[in-house]
């Protein structure tokens, strides 16, 4: 039988720890663990346990990436203003929101910037908006239409906020944020609350799920001017979360409310949704962020409150495996 060197022209690397970004097919000997390891491409995505939030809660905001995330606001018997920052392994409490609230629309690219729009302080939807600079929250110009249970996509300087519950009515109102003020643009075709959304900025977004009522799988894509209905989620639900950077690539996970609580996870490729690996623990009123390749889900739960964090590795990503002779 040919040796590894005869086949590949080189010896197996000896490393004290696993490489940070292994590529598919890479093999090495971990001298600390005394085992041979390699990187293989996953055929399906997978969720793995991450560090717990310090404060369990549901209906919280979340933005950022799997290794640089922010969790803020929420509810665990009382309305919360708590903010926590995630570094890829642990959550650390940082400065609170100025106005505690549950569920507003949350956007931002990492744990140094975020935008929290609208929400509910316990007496109905509000128009308050706050921006995070990596250290503290600052109140900025308010929404034109106060509401809670809406969704958003983008950054803290270019956000699209859509849907929600305003003055006792489900709404499809959409507003665009340019870093200083809000402008109303084209409404969603299906007014709903407790929906999820993703987007790169205020000119591209994807809105999916929510309660119309009942819980729906309706998905709409925004092109900078108007919304167009596209293919539905396979599992209709509200109180779900989403991740992804555009209207052509998104991840939907969790939810329930009007249907049994679910951990269902679906991938959007710009045309249709495909079912993938479920969350380890199904949850509704959950938060999350990241991309279709690397995402994070945290909090949620009903009637209990969850502090659990799960980290997503998308299909096709390198997965480290240990080789044995058995």
C-alpha atoms as a PDB file:
ATOM      1  CA  UNK A   1       0.000   0.000   0.000  1.00  0.00           C
ATOM      2  CA  UNK A   2       1.374   3.440  -0.933  1.00  0.00           C
ATOM      3  CA  UNK A   3       2.267   5.824   1.877  1.00  0.00           C
ATOM      4  CA  UNK A   4       0.768   9.282   2.380  1.00  0.00           C
ATOM      5  CA  UNK A   5       4.028  10.865   1.137  1.00  0.00           C
ATOM      6  CA  UNK A   6       4.092   8.677  -1.975  1.00  0.00           C
ATOM      7  CA  UNK A   7       0.533   9.727  -2.820  1.00  0.00           C
ATOM      8  CA  UNK A   8       0.706  13.446  -1.967  1.00  0.00           C
ATOM      9  CA  UNK A   9       4.455  14.145  -2.186  1.00  0.00           C
ATOM     10  CA  UNK A  10       4.811  15.413   1.380  1.00  0.00           C
ATOM     11  CA  UNK A  11       4.776  14.150   4.946  1.00  0.00           C
ATOM     12  CA  UNK A  12       1.821  14.737   7.274  1.00  0.00           C
ATOM     13  CA  UNK A  13       2.290  18.024   9.154  1.00  0.00           C
ATOM     14  CA  UNK A  14       2.962  17.853  12.884  1.00  0.00           C
ATOM     15  CA  UNK A  15       1.113  20.679  14.697  1.00  0.00           C
ATOM     16  CA  UNK A  16       0.669  21.491  18.383  1.00  0.00           C
ATOM     17  CA  UNK A  17      -2.930  22.578  17.721  1.00  0.00           C
ATOM     18  CA  UNK A  18      -5.489  22.335  14.941  1.00  0.00           C
ATOM     19  CA  UNK A  19      -5.085  24.973  12.177  1.00  0.00           C
ATOM     20  CA  UNK A  20      -7.466  27.923  12.442  1.00  0.00           C
ATOM     21  CA  UNK A  21      -8.795  27.644   8.886  1.00  0.00           C
ATOM     22  CA  UNK A  22      -8.203  24.151   7.504  1.00  0.00           C
ATOM     23  CA  UNK A  23      -9.063  23.445   3.883  1.00  0.00           C
ATOM     24  CA  UNK A  24     -10.858  20.383   2.599  1.00  0.00           C
ATOM     25  CA  UNK A  25      -8.462  17.438   2.313  1.00  0.00           C
ATOM     26  CA  UNK A  26      -5.831  18.874   4.677  1.00  0.00           C
ATOM     27  CA  UNK A  27      -4.367  16.290   7.089  1.00  0.00           C
ATOM     28  CA  UNK A  28      -2.166  16.861  10.154  1.00  0.00           C
ATOM     29  CA  UNK A  29      -0.921  15.176  13.319  1.00  0.00           C
ATOM     30  CA  UNK A  30      -1.996  16.987  16.501  1.00  0.00           C
ATOM     31  CA  UNK A  31       0.962  16.421  18.849  1.00  0.00           C
ATOM     32  CA  UNK A  32      -1.005  17.689  21.861  1.00  0.00           C
ATOM     33  CA  UNK A  33      -3.915  15.284  21.374  1.00  0.00           C
ATOM     34  CA  UNK A  34      -1.646  12.571  19.853  1.00  0.00           C
ATOM     35  CA  UNK A  35      -4.076  11.890  17.001  1.00  0.00           C
ATOM     36  CA  UNK A  36      -4.217  12.316  13.238  1.00  0.00           C
ATOM     37  CA  UNK A  37      -6.863  14.771  12.078  1.00  0.00           C
ATOM     38  CA  UNK A  38      -8.183  16.046   8.773  1.00  0.00           C
ATOM     39  CA  UNK A  39     -10.679  18.457   7.256  1.00  0.00           C
ATOM     40  CA  UNK A  40     -13.582  17.087   5.242  1.00  0.00           C
ATOM     41  CA  UNK A  41     -16.402  19.004   3.588  1.00  0.00           C
ATOM     42  CA  UNK A  42     -19.769  18.703   5.302  1.00  0.00           C
ATOM     43  CA  UNK A  43     -22.702  17.500   3.213  1.00  0.00           C
ATOM     44  CA  UNK A  44     -25.199  19.008   5.655  1.00  0.00           C
ATOM     45  CA  UNK A  45     -25.011  21.846   8.113  1.00  0.00           C
ATOM     46  CA  UNK A  46     -24.590  21.253  11.835  1.00  0.00           C
ATOM     47  CA  UNK A  47     -25.378  23.068  15.083  1.00  0.00           C
ATOM     48  CA  UNK A  48     -22.920  22.891  18.012  1.00  0.00           C
ATOM     49  CA  UNK A  49     -23.187  24.171  21.591  1.00  0.00           C
ATOM     50  CA  UNK A  50     -21.737  27.620  22.312  1.00  0.00           C
ATOM     51  CA  UNK A  51     -21.390  29.638  25.520  1.00  0.00           C
ATOM     52  CA  UNK A  52     -24.585  30.478  27.395  1.00  0.00           C
ATOM     53  CA  UNK A  53     -25.926  34.000  27.755  1.00  0.00           C
ATOM     54  CA  UNK A  54     -25.460  35.397  31.261  1.00  0.00           C
ATOM     55  CA  UNK A  55     -29.172  36.281  31.394  1.00  0.00           C
ATOM     56  CA  UNK A  56     -31.763  33.908  29.935  1.00  0.00           C
ATOM     57  CA  UNK A  57     -34.468  35.722  27.960  1.00  0.00           C
ATOM     58  CA  UNK A  58     -36.700  35.659  24.928  1.00  0.00           C
ATOM     59  CA  UNK A  59     -37.770  38.305  22.352  1.00  0.00           C
ATOM     60  CA  UNK A  60     -34.284  39.832  22.387  1.00  0.00           C
ATOM     61  CA  UNK A  61     -32.353  41.530  19.623  1.00  0.00           C
ATOM     62  CA  UNK A  62     -29.265  40.053  18.022  1.00  0.00           C
ATOM     63  CA  UNK A  63     -26.750  41.190  15.409  1.00  0.00           C
ATOM     64  CA  UNK A  64     -23.211  40.507  14.249  1.00  0.00           C
ATOM     65  CA  UNK A  65     -21.336  37.309  13.442  1.00  0.00           C
ATOM     66  CA  UNK A  66     -20.700  33.935  15.081  1.00  0.00           C
ATOM     67  CA  UNK A  67     -17.472  35.215  16.658  1.00  0.00           C
ATOM     68  CA  UNK A  68     -18.483  38.852  17.207  1.00  0.00           C
ATOM     69  CA  UNK A  69     -22.126  39.113  18.226  1.00  0.00           C
ATOM     70  CA  UNK A  70     -24.345  41.362  20.321  1.00  0.00           C
ATOM     71  CA  UNK A  71     -27.508  40.407  22.271  1.00  0.00           C
ATOM     72  CA  UNK A  72     -29.749  43.160  23.681  1.00  0.00           C
ATOM     73  CA  UNK A  73     -33.114  43.767  25.283  1.00  0.00           C
ATOM     74  CA  UNK A  74     -35.702  40.999  25.675  1.00  0.00           C
ATOM     75  CA  UNK A  75     -38.047  39.650  28.306  1.00  0.00           C
ATOM     76  CA  UNK A  76     -37.758  37.170  31.212  1.00  0.00           C
ATOM     77  CA  UNK A  77     -40.667  38.230  33.384  1.00  0.00           C
ATOM     78  CA  UNK A  78     -39.649  41.860  33.094  1.00  0.00           C
ATOM     79  CA  UNK A  79     -38.609  43.935  30.088  1.00  0.00           C
ATOM     80  CA  UNK A  80     -34.811  43.937  29.763  1.00  0.00           C
ATOM     81  CA  UNK A  81     -32.237  46.557  28.738  1.00  0.00           C
ATOM     82  CA  UNK A  82     -29.254  44.206  29.220  1.00  0.00           C
ATOM     83  CA  UNK A  83     -26.641  44.012  26.474  1.00  0.00           C
ATOM     84  CA  UNK A  84     -24.125  41.182  26.100  1.00  0.00           C
ATOM     85  CA  UNK A  85     -21.172  40.826  23.722  1.00  0.00           C
ATOM     86  CA  UNK A  86     -19.984  37.445  22.334  1.00  0.00           C
ATOM     87  CA  UNK A  87     -16.391  36.726  21.280  1.00  0.00           C
ATOM     88  CA  UNK A  88     -16.946  33.268  19.843  1.00  0.00           C
ATOM     89  CA  UNK A  89     -16.877  31.429  23.167  1.00  0.00           C
ATOM     90  CA  UNK A  90     -18.287  33.565  26.011  1.00  0.00           C
ATOM     91  CA  UNK A  91     -20.820  36.335  26.565  1.00  0.00           C
ATOM     92  CA  UNK A  92     -19.810  39.452  28.536  1.00  0.00           C
ATOM     93  CA  UNK A  93     -22.203  42.067  29.899  1.00  0.00           C
ATOM     94  CA  UNK A  94     -21.616  45.558  28.516  1.00  0.00           C
ATOM     95  CA  UNK A  95     -23.569  48.828  28.734  1.00  0.00           C
ATOM     96  CA  UNK A  96     -27.375  48.622  28.748  1.00  0.00           C
ATOM     97  CA  UNK A  97     -29.837  50.002  26.230  1.00  0.00           C
ATOM     98  CA  UNK A  98     -31.174  53.420  27.266  1.00  0.00           C
ATOM     99  CA  UNK A  99     -34.718  52.088  26.781  1.00  0.00           C
ATOM    100  CA  UNK A 100     -35.345  48.461  27.752  1.00  0.00           C
ATOM    101  CA  UNK A 101     -37.608  46.722  25.267  1.00  0.00           C
ATOM    102  CA  UNK A 102     -38.722  43.521  23.607  1.00  0.00           C
ATOM    103  CA  UNK A 103     -38.793  42.655  20.278  1.00  0.00           C
ATOM    104  CA  UNK A 104     -37.569  45.429  18.042  1.00  0.00           C
ATOM    105  CA  UNK A 105     -35.748  45.102  14.738  1.00  0.00           C
ATOM    106  CA  UNK A 106     -32.024  44.483  15.236  1.00  0.00           C
ATOM    107  CA  UNK A 107     -29.248  45.009  12.672  1.00  0.00           C
ATOM    108  CA  UNK A 108     -25.466  45.389  12.676  1.00  0.00           C
ATOM    109  CA  UNK A 109     -22.306  43.801  11.288  1.00  0.00           C
ATOM    110  CA  UNK A 110     -20.465  42.806  14.499  1.00  0.00           C
ATOM    111  CA  UNK A 111     -20.319  43.484  18.260  1.00  0.00           C
ATOM    112  CA  UNK A 112     -18.942  47.002  17.725  1.00  0.00           C
ATOM    113  CA  UNK A 113     -21.984  48.369  15.873  1.00  0.00           C
ATOM    114  CA  UNK A 114     -25.721  47.759  15.995  1.00  0.00           C
ATOM    115  CA  UNK A 115     -29.095  49.421  15.554  1.00  0.00           C
ATOM    116  CA  UNK A 116     -32.195  48.612  17.654  1.00  0.00           C
ATOM    117  CA  UNK A 117     -35.390  49.950  16.069  1.00  0.00           C
ATOM    118  CA  UNK A 118     -38.806  50.046  17.705  1.00  0.00           C
ATOM    119  CA  UNK A 119     -39.948  47.435  20.204  1.00  0.00           C
ATOM    120  CA  UNK A 120     -42.293  47.313  23.176  1.00  0.00           C
ATOM    121  CA  UNK A 121     -41.657  48.592  26.705  1.00  0.00           C
ATOM    122  CA  UNK A 122     -44.797  46.916  28.047  1.00  0.00           C
ATOM    123  CA  UNK A 123     -47.392  49.367  26.759  1.00  0.00           C
ATOM    124  CA  UNK A 124     -47.399  48.912  22.978  1.00  0.00           C
ATOM    125  CA  UNK A 125     -45.083  49.545  20.048  1.00  0.00           C
ATOM    126  CA  UNK A 126     -42.574  52.394  20.288  1.00  0.00           C
ATOM    127  CA  UNK A 127     -40.637  54.408  17.702  1.00  0.00           C
ATOM    128  CA  UNK A 128     -37.402  54.723  19.738  1.00  0.00           C
ATOM    129  CA  UNK A 129     -34.163  53.891  17.922  1.00  0.00           C
ATOM    130  CA  UNK A 130     -30.696  53.422  19.423  1.00  0.00           C
ATOM    131  CA  UNK A 131     -27.290  52.905  17.856  1.00  0.00           C
ATOM    132  CA  UNK A 132     -24.339  51.016  19.420  1.00  0.00           C
ATOM    133  CA  UNK A 133     -20.736  52.180  18.872  1.00  0.00           C
ATOM    134  CA  UNK A 134     -18.936  49.306  20.589  1.00  0.00           C
ATOM    135  CA  UNK A 135     -19.118  50.942  24.021  1.00  0.00           C
ATOM    136  CA  UNK A 136     -22.526  52.500  24.579  1.00  0.00           C
ATOM    137  CA  UNK A 137     -26.001  53.059  23.129  1.00  0.00           C
ATOM    138  CA  UNK A 138     -27.127  56.478  21.831  1.00  0.00           C
ATOM    139  CA  UNK A 139     -30.696  57.501  20.996  1.00  0.00           C
ATOM    140  CA  UNK A 140     -31.066  58.666  17.379  1.00  0.00           C
ATOM    141  CA  UNK A 141     -33.941  59.793  15.145  1.00  0.00           C
ATOM    142  CA  UNK A 142     -37.140  57.799  15.654  1.00  0.00           C
ATOM    143  CA  UNK A 143     -39.132  55.660  13.245  1.00  0.00           C
ATOM    144  CA  UNK A 144     -42.017  57.287  11.386  1.00  0.00           C
ATOM    145  CA  UNK A 145     -44.255  54.389  12.489  1.00  0.00           C
ATOM    146  CA  UNK A 146     -43.800  53.119  16.038  1.00  0.00           C
ATOM    147  CA  UNK A 147     -44.130  49.316  16.312  1.00  0.00           C
ATOM    148  CA  UNK A 148     -42.855  46.104  17.830  1.00  0.00           C
ATOM    149  CA  UNK A 149     -42.221  42.568  16.518  1.00  0.00           C
ATOM    150  CA  UNK A 150     -40.793  43.839  13.221  1.00  0.00           C
ATOM    151  CA  UNK A 151     -37.622  42.706  11.450  1.00  0.00           C
ATOM    152  CA  UNK A 152     -34.682  44.311   9.708  1.00  0.00           C
ATOM    153  CA  UNK A 153     -31.580  43.843   7.628  1.00  0.00           C
ATOM    154  CA  UNK A 154     -28.396  45.819   7.072  1.00  0.00           C
ATOM    155  CA  UNK A 155     -25.939  47.782   9.205  1.00  0.00           C
ATOM    156  CA  UNK A 156     -26.242  50.564  11.771  1.00  0.00           C
ATOM    157  CA  UNK A 157     -25.811  53.149   8.980  1.00  0.00           C
ATOM    158  CA  UNK A 158     -27.885  51.487   6.232  1.00  0.00           C
ATOM    159  CA  UNK A 159     -30.874  49.512   7.528  1.00  0.00           C
ATOM    160  CA  UNK A 160     -34.243  48.409   6.220  1.00  0.00           C
ATOM    161  CA  UNK A 161     -36.935  47.893   8.910  1.00  0.00           C
ATOM    162  CA  UNK A 162     -40.187  46.141   7.947  1.00  0.00           C
ATOM    163  CA  UNK A 163     -43.380  44.625   9.317  1.00  0.00           C
ATOM    164  CA  UNK A 164     -44.481  44.460  12.943  1.00  0.00           C
ATOM    165  CA  UNK A 165     -47.441  45.422  15.102  1.00  0.00           C
ATOM    166  CA  UNK A 166     -48.542  49.057  15.270  1.00  0.00           C
ATOM    167  CA  UNK A 167     -51.530  50.503  17.153  1.00  0.00           C
ATOM    168  CA  UNK A 168     -53.109  47.060  17.438  1.00  0.00           C
ATOM    169  CA  UNK A 169     -52.740  46.256  13.730  1.00  0.00           C
ATOM    170  CA  UNK A 170     -50.302  44.066  11.796  1.00  0.00           C
ATOM    171  CA  UNK A 171     -48.339  46.210   9.391  1.00  0.00           C
ATOM    172  CA  UNK A 172     -46.271  45.883   6.224  1.00  0.00           C
ATOM    173  CA  UNK A 173     -44.764  49.361   6.571  1.00  0.00           C
ATOM    174  CA  UNK A 174     -41.110  49.475   5.514  1.00  0.00           C
ATOM    175  CA  UNK A 175     -38.644  52.216   6.415  1.00  0.00           C
ATOM    176  CA  UNK A 176     -35.116  52.890   5.213  1.00  0.00           C
ATOM    177  CA  UNK A 177     -32.350  54.261   7.508  1.00  0.00           C
ATOM    178  CA  UNK A 178     -29.419  56.166   5.983  1.00  0.00           C
ATOM    179  CA  UNK A 179     -27.465  56.712   9.193  1.00  0.00           C
ATOM    180  CA  UNK A 180     -29.351  59.833  10.235  1.00  0.00           C
ATOM    181  CA  UNK A 181     -33.044  59.596   9.352  1.00  0.00           C
ATOM    182  CA  UNK A 182     -35.862  57.220   8.354  1.00  0.00           C
ATOM    183  CA  UNK A 183     -37.778  57.314   5.047  1.00  0.00           C
ATOM    184  CA  UNK A 184     -40.877  55.261   4.239  1.00  0.00           C
ATOM    185  CA  UNK A 185     -40.514  53.057   1.159  1.00  0.00           C
ATOM    186  CA  UNK A 186     -42.650  50.303  -0.397  1.00  0.00           C
ATOM    187  CA  UNK A 187     -44.721  48.153   2.004  1.00  0.00           C
ATOM    188  CA  UNK A 188     -44.497  44.399   2.332  1.00  0.00           C
ATOM    189  CA  UNK A 189     -47.175  42.624   0.292  1.00  0.00           C
ATOM    190  CA  UNK A 190     -48.195  40.600   3.373  1.00  0.00           C
ATOM    191  CA  UNK A 191     -48.503  42.568   6.624  1.00  0.00           C
ATOM    192  CA  UNK A 192     -47.233  40.475   9.555  1.00  0.00           C
ATOM    193  CA  UNK A 193     -45.456  40.467  12.898  1.00  0.00           C
ATOM    194  CA  UNK A 194     -42.835  38.211  14.517  1.00  0.00           C
ATOM    195  CA  UNK A 195     -41.218  37.693  11.117  1.00  0.00           C
ATOM    196  CA  UNK A 196     -37.489  37.323  10.391  1.00  0.00           C
ATOM    197  CA  UNK A 197     -35.309  39.255   7.997  1.00  0.00           C
ATOM    198  CA  UNK A 198     -31.836  39.548   6.532  1.00  0.00           C
ATOM    199  CA  UNK A 199     -30.101  42.026   4.291  1.00  0.00           C
ATOM    200  CA  UNK A 200     -26.831  43.632   3.304  1.00  0.00           C
ATOM    201  CA  UNK A 201     -28.007  47.262   3.533  1.00  0.00           C
ATOM    202  CA  UNK A 202     -31.131  49.380   2.968  1.00  0.00           C
ATOM    203  CA  UNK A 203     -31.466  48.425  -0.710  1.00  0.00           C
ATOM    204  CA  UNK A 204     -31.587  44.636  -0.447  1.00  0.00           C
ATOM    205  CA  UNK A 205     -33.427  42.437   2.049  1.00  0.00           C
ATOM    206  CA  UNK A 206     -35.358  39.221   2.559  1.00  0.00           C
ATOM    207  CA  UNK A 207     -38.450  38.948   4.811  1.00  0.00           C
ATOM    208  CA  UNK A 208     -39.752  35.497   5.786  1.00  0.00           C
ATOM    209  CA  UNK A 209     -42.215  33.823   8.111  1.00  0.00           C
ATOM    210  CA  UNK A 210     -44.263  35.649  10.709  1.00  0.00           C
ATOM    211  CA  UNK A 211     -47.893  35.807  11.789  1.00  0.00           C
ATOM    212  CA  UNK A 212     -50.392  37.196   9.274  1.00  0.00           C
ATOM    213  CA  UNK A 213     -52.303  35.345  11.009  1.00  0.00           C
ATOM    214  CA  UNK A 214     -51.907  32.382  11.109  1.00  0.00           C
ATOM    215  CA  UNK A 215     -48.196  31.539  11.091  1.00  0.00           C
ATOM    216  CA  UNK A 216     -46.951  31.827   7.521  1.00  0.00           C
ATOM    217  CA  UNK A 217     -44.063  30.735   5.313  1.00  0.00           C
ATOM    218  CA  UNK A 218     -44.428  33.734   2.985  1.00  0.00           C
ATOM    219  CA  UNK A 219     -41.071  35.060   1.760  1.00  0.00           C
ATOM    220  CA  UNK A 220     -40.535  38.425   0.075  1.00  0.00           C
ATOM    221  CA  UNK A 221     -37.456  39.923  -1.586  1.00  0.00           C
ATOM    222  CA  UNK A 222     -36.669  43.666  -1.662  1.00  0.00           C
ATOM    223  CA  UNK A 223     -34.823  45.215  -4.619  1.00  0.00           C
ATOM    224  CA  UNK A 224     -34.356  48.754  -3.317  1.00  0.00           C
ATOM    225  CA  UNK A 225     -37.809  49.908  -4.388  1.00  0.00           C
ATOM    226  CA  UNK A 226     -40.429  47.232  -3.833  1.00  0.00           C
ATOM    227  CA  UNK A 227     -41.084  43.785  -2.390  1.00  0.00           C
ATOM    228  CA  UNK A 228     -41.730  40.705  -4.547  1.00  0.00           C
ATOM    229  CA  UNK A 229     -43.182  37.464  -3.199  1.00  0.00           C
ATOM    230  CA  UNK A 230     -40.921  34.472  -3.827  1.00  0.00           C
ATOM    231  CA  UNK A 231     -40.947  30.811  -2.685  1.00  0.00           C
ATOM    232  CA  UNK A 232     -42.364  30.075   0.787  1.00  0.00           C
ATOM    233  CA  UNK A 233     -40.565  28.460   3.712  1.00  0.00           C
ATOM    234  CA  UNK A 234     -41.196  24.711   3.939  1.00  0.00           C
ATOM    235  CA  UNK A 235     -42.266  25.115   7.580  1.00  0.00           C
ATOM    236  CA  UNK A 236     -44.661  28.006   8.212  1.00  0.00           C
ATOM    237  CA  UNK A 237     -43.863  29.721  11.536  1.00  0.00           C
ATOM    238  CA  UNK A 238     -43.475  32.957  13.441  1.00  0.00           C
ATOM    239  CA  UNK A 239     -41.150  34.047  16.267  1.00  0.00           C
ATOM    240  CA  UNK A 240     -38.207  32.671  14.269  1.00  0.00           C
ATOM    241  CA  UNK A 241     -34.732  34.094  13.574  1.00  0.00           C
ATOM    242  CA  UNK A 242     -32.653  34.555  10.464  1.00  0.00           C
ATOM    243  CA  UNK A 243     -29.073  35.031   9.293  1.00  0.00           C
ATOM    244  CA  UNK A 244     -27.484  35.927   5.988  1.00  0.00           C
ATOM    245  CA  UNK A 245     -26.013  38.876   4.145  1.00  0.00           C
ATOM    246  CA  UNK A 246     -28.359  39.372   1.201  1.00  0.00           C
ATOM    247  CA  UNK A 247     -31.694  38.508  -0.383  1.00  0.00           C
ATOM    248  CA  UNK A 248     -30.056  35.620  -2.268  1.00  0.00           C
ATOM    249  CA  UNK A 249     -28.505  33.811   0.713  1.00  0.00           C
ATOM    250  CA  UNK A 250     -30.273  33.318   4.038  1.00  0.00           C
ATOM    251  CA  UNK A 251     -30.780  30.936   6.953  1.00  0.00           C
ATOM    252  CA  UNK A 252     -34.077  30.533   8.866  1.00  0.00           C
ATOM    253  CA  UNK A 253     -34.225  28.698  12.192  1.00  0.00           C
ATOM    254  CA  UNK A 254     -36.455  28.092  15.186  1.00  0.00           C
ATOM    255  CA  UNK A 255     -39.886  29.565  15.747  1.00  0.00           C
ATOM    256  CA  UNK A 256     -43.329  28.268  16.469  1.00  0.00           C
ATOM    257  CA  UNK A 257     -45.872  30.284  18.469  1.00  0.00           C
ATOM    258  CA  UNK A 258     -49.037  29.424  16.501  1.00  0.00           C
ATOM    259  CA  UNK A 259     -47.608  26.001  15.569  1.00  0.00           C
ATOM    260  CA  UNK A 260     -45.616  23.557  17.723  1.00  0.00           C
ATOM    261  CA  UNK A 261     -42.219  24.958  18.760  1.00  0.00           C
ATOM    262  CA  UNK A 262     -39.635  23.907  16.200  1.00  0.00           C
ATOM    263  CA  UNK A 263     -35.890  23.744  15.627  1.00  0.00           C
ATOM    264  CA  UNK A 264     -36.388  23.556  11.859  1.00  0.00           C
ATOM    265  CA  UNK A 265     -33.526  25.102   9.901  1.00  0.00           C
ATOM    266  CA  UNK A 266     -33.814  26.073   6.236  1.00  0.00           C
ATOM    267  CA  UNK A 267     -31.364  27.487   3.676  1.00  0.00           C
ATOM    268  CA  UNK A 268     -32.342  30.030   0.988  1.00  0.00           C
ATOM    269  CA  UNK A 269     -30.351  30.005  -2.277  1.00  0.00           C
ATOM    270  CA  UNK A 270     -32.051  32.930  -3.972  1.00  0.00           C
ATOM    271  CA  UNK A 271     -34.757  30.743  -5.505  1.00  0.00           C
ATOM    272  CA  UNK A 272     -36.037  28.258  -2.931  1.00  0.00           C
ATOM    273  CA  UNK A 273     -35.744  27.036   0.664  1.00  0.00           C
ATOM    274  CA  UNK A 274     -34.231  23.634   1.489  1.00  0.00           C
ATOM    275  CA  UNK A 275     -34.491  21.856   4.828  1.00  0.00           C
ATOM    276  CA  UNK A 276     -31.263  21.209   6.723  1.00  0.00           C
ATOM    277  CA  UNK A 277     -30.218  20.095  10.223  1.00  0.00           C
ATOM    278  CA  UNK A 278     -32.519  21.228  13.066  1.00  0.00           C
ATOM    279  CA  UNK A 279     -31.404  23.205  16.107  1.00  0.00           C
ATOM    280  CA  UNK A 280     -30.461  20.920  19.008  1.00  0.00           C
ATOM    281  CA  UNK A 281     -33.173  22.630  21.078  1.00  0.00           C
ATOM    282  CA  UNK A 282     -36.257  23.955  19.295  1.00  0.00           C
ATOM    283  CA  UNK A 283     -37.075  27.481  20.469  1.00  0.00           C
ATOM    284  CA  UNK A 284     -39.337  30.381  19.569  1.00  0.00           C
ATOM    285  CA  UNK A 285     -38.851  34.112  20.201  1.00  0.00           C
ATOM    286  CA  UNK A 286     -35.199  33.348  19.420  1.00  0.00           C
ATOM    287  CA  UNK A 287     -32.415  35.665  18.217  1.00  0.00           C
ATOM    288  CA  UNK A 288     -29.597  35.004  15.792  1.00  0.00           C
ATOM    289  CA  UNK A 289     -27.204  36.413  13.237  1.00  0.00           C
ATOM    290  CA  UNK A 290     -24.276  35.556  10.970  1.00  0.00           C
ATOM    291  CA  UNK A 291     -24.192  33.985   7.513  1.00  0.00           C
ATOM    292  CA  UNK A 292     -25.389  30.770   5.873  1.00  0.00           C
ATOM    293  CA  UNK A 293     -21.886  29.338   6.388  1.00  0.00           C
ATOM    294  CA  UNK A 294     -21.368  30.521   9.962  1.00  0.00           C
ATOM    295  CA  UNK A 295     -24.296  31.612  12.145  1.00  0.00           C
ATOM    296  CA  UNK A 296     -25.318  31.782  15.796  1.00  0.00           C
ATOM    297  CA  UNK A 297     -28.651  31.295  17.609  1.00  0.00           C
ATOM    298  CA  UNK A 298     -29.299  32.369  21.202  1.00  0.00           C
ATOM    299  CA  UNK A 299     -31.986  32.954  23.798  1.00  0.00           C
ATOM    300  CA  UNK A 300     -35.683  32.373  23.189  1.00  0.00           C
ATOM    301  CA  UNK A 301     -38.113  29.931  24.752  1.00  0.00           C
ATOM    302  CA  UNK A 302     -41.735  29.904  25.880  1.00  0.00           C
ATOM    303  CA  UNK A 303     -42.983  29.591  28.587  1.00  0.00           C
ATOM    304  CA  UNK A 304     -39.458  29.202  30.023  1.00  0.00           C
ATOM    305  CA  UNK A 305     -36.527  31.468  29.165  1.00  0.00           C
ATOM    306  CA  UNK A 306     -33.402  30.122  27.514  1.00  0.00           C
ATOM    307  CA  UNK A 307     -29.746  31.187  27.786  1.00  0.00           C
ATOM    308  CA  UNK A 308     -28.601  28.531  25.298  1.00  0.00           C
ATOM    309  CA  UNK A 309     -26.349  29.441  22.378  1.00  0.00           C
ATOM    310  CA  UNK A 310     -25.858  27.268  19.311  1.00  0.00           C
ATOM    311  CA  UNK A 311     -23.315  27.785  16.529  1.00  0.00           C
ATOM    312  CA  UNK A 312     -24.020  26.824  12.914  1.00  0.00           C
ATOM    313  CA  UNK A 313     -21.546  25.467  10.375  1.00  0.00           C
ATOM    314  CA  UNK A 314     -23.102  25.426   6.923  1.00  0.00           C
ATOM    315  CA  UNK A 315     -22.909  22.600   4.359  1.00  0.00           C
ATOM    316  CA  UNK A 316     -19.707  22.565   2.319  1.00  0.00           C
ATOM    317  CA  UNK A 317     -17.636  24.054   5.144  1.00  0.00           C
ATOM    318  CA  UNK A 318     -14.518  22.186   6.334  1.00  0.00           C
ATOM    319  CA  UNK A 319     -15.257  19.939   9.305  1.00  0.00           C
ATOM    320  CA  UNK A 320     -12.396  18.659  11.469  1.00  0.00           C
ATOM    321  CA  UNK A 321     -12.454  14.887  11.948  1.00  0.00           C
ATOM    322  CA  UNK A 322     -10.214  12.552  13.977  1.00  0.00           C
ATOM    323  CA  UNK A 323      -8.928   9.467  12.204  1.00  0.00           C
ATOM    324  CA  UNK A 324      -8.787   6.122  14.021  1.00  0.00           C
ATOM    325  CA  UNK A 325      -7.703   2.613  13.004  1.00  0.00           C
ATOM    326  CA  UNK A 326     -11.023   1.088  14.089  1.00  0.00           C
END
